[in-house]
């Protein structure tokens, strides 16, 4: 009897020792572009790709490994953690639950954390397969649409001057919703239909709606910068607003142009990609924007409470509508990708 029990315990111990081996990620080594499907290729990046069809554990473990998406992951992950900490600090002095005028501030902070988190997950996990590559970036585009709406709302609610509010109040928020959704839909379609081919059509679908959305969203900021009286030019919020515009424009350049990897093809597989610079600029843009909106929330209550009245609930409903439309669009495009890949396999 004792022998039987000993043998069973021995087998159990052996099985337990094998568990870490079963859960351990497959080899963390990266591969060249020729070893992954074309959909994963990046212009002028010839190596540093992660192998496809590995375990989810493997892709999560690559958070701490070198590959051509590592810096893209960490830039937005760190920024999301910084904003979470900032939100925790703000919640100690801002009553997000009871103060009606704090709802737009809550929306832009949550929208910023959402897009940063979705981007982090997309760059970390998209290498799992072709289907997940598309699906995670569709999710990323949903996050961008939510952030675009949050930015538009923050600028319209807190930053806008009464004279500009009078001119655009009839169409600004509906147009912001439409352009945020078009940005998501256009990016999803460009990813699905064109990817690396037909670059002009791809950029037209992706960048035109986003560019129009930014021009609309930033108009209250630009108007305020150019019309502010000399006595208010020292307002710290204006400095943050100027910084967010500057960082966005620099980031937009690097998003649209593959520099410096075009100058050094095959040399920027880990560090020096234009998309990495875009990420860094977008992070600084977002952090500056949040600080500017917080300052406007704290110092301009008399202005925005008069302009906006009790419309905060309506803007929250519009946010929910934007999220719903964007999620449904991404889900629809993911289904089209699944059908396309299934047909290709047949």
Foldseek 3Di string as FASTA:
>chain_A
DVVVVVVVVVVVVVVVVCVCVVLPWDDLDKAFPVQADPLPDDPLATIQHHAAQTDPSSLVVCCPPFGLLNLQLVLLVVLLVVLVVVVVVVVVPDVCPPDLLCVLLVQLSVLSSQLSVLSNCLSRPLRHHVLSNLLSVLSNLLSQLSNLLSLLSLLLQQQADPVVCVVPVVCLNVLLLVLSLQLSLLQSCLSLPARPHPVVSSCCSNVVSVVVSCCSSCVRLVVCQVPPDPVCNVPVLNVLSVLLVVLQVQLVVLVSDFPPSVVVRNPDRGHGTSNSSSSNSNSSSSVSSSVSSVSSSVPVCVPSCVSCPSCSVVSVVSSVVSSVSSVVSSVVSSVVVVVVVVVVVD
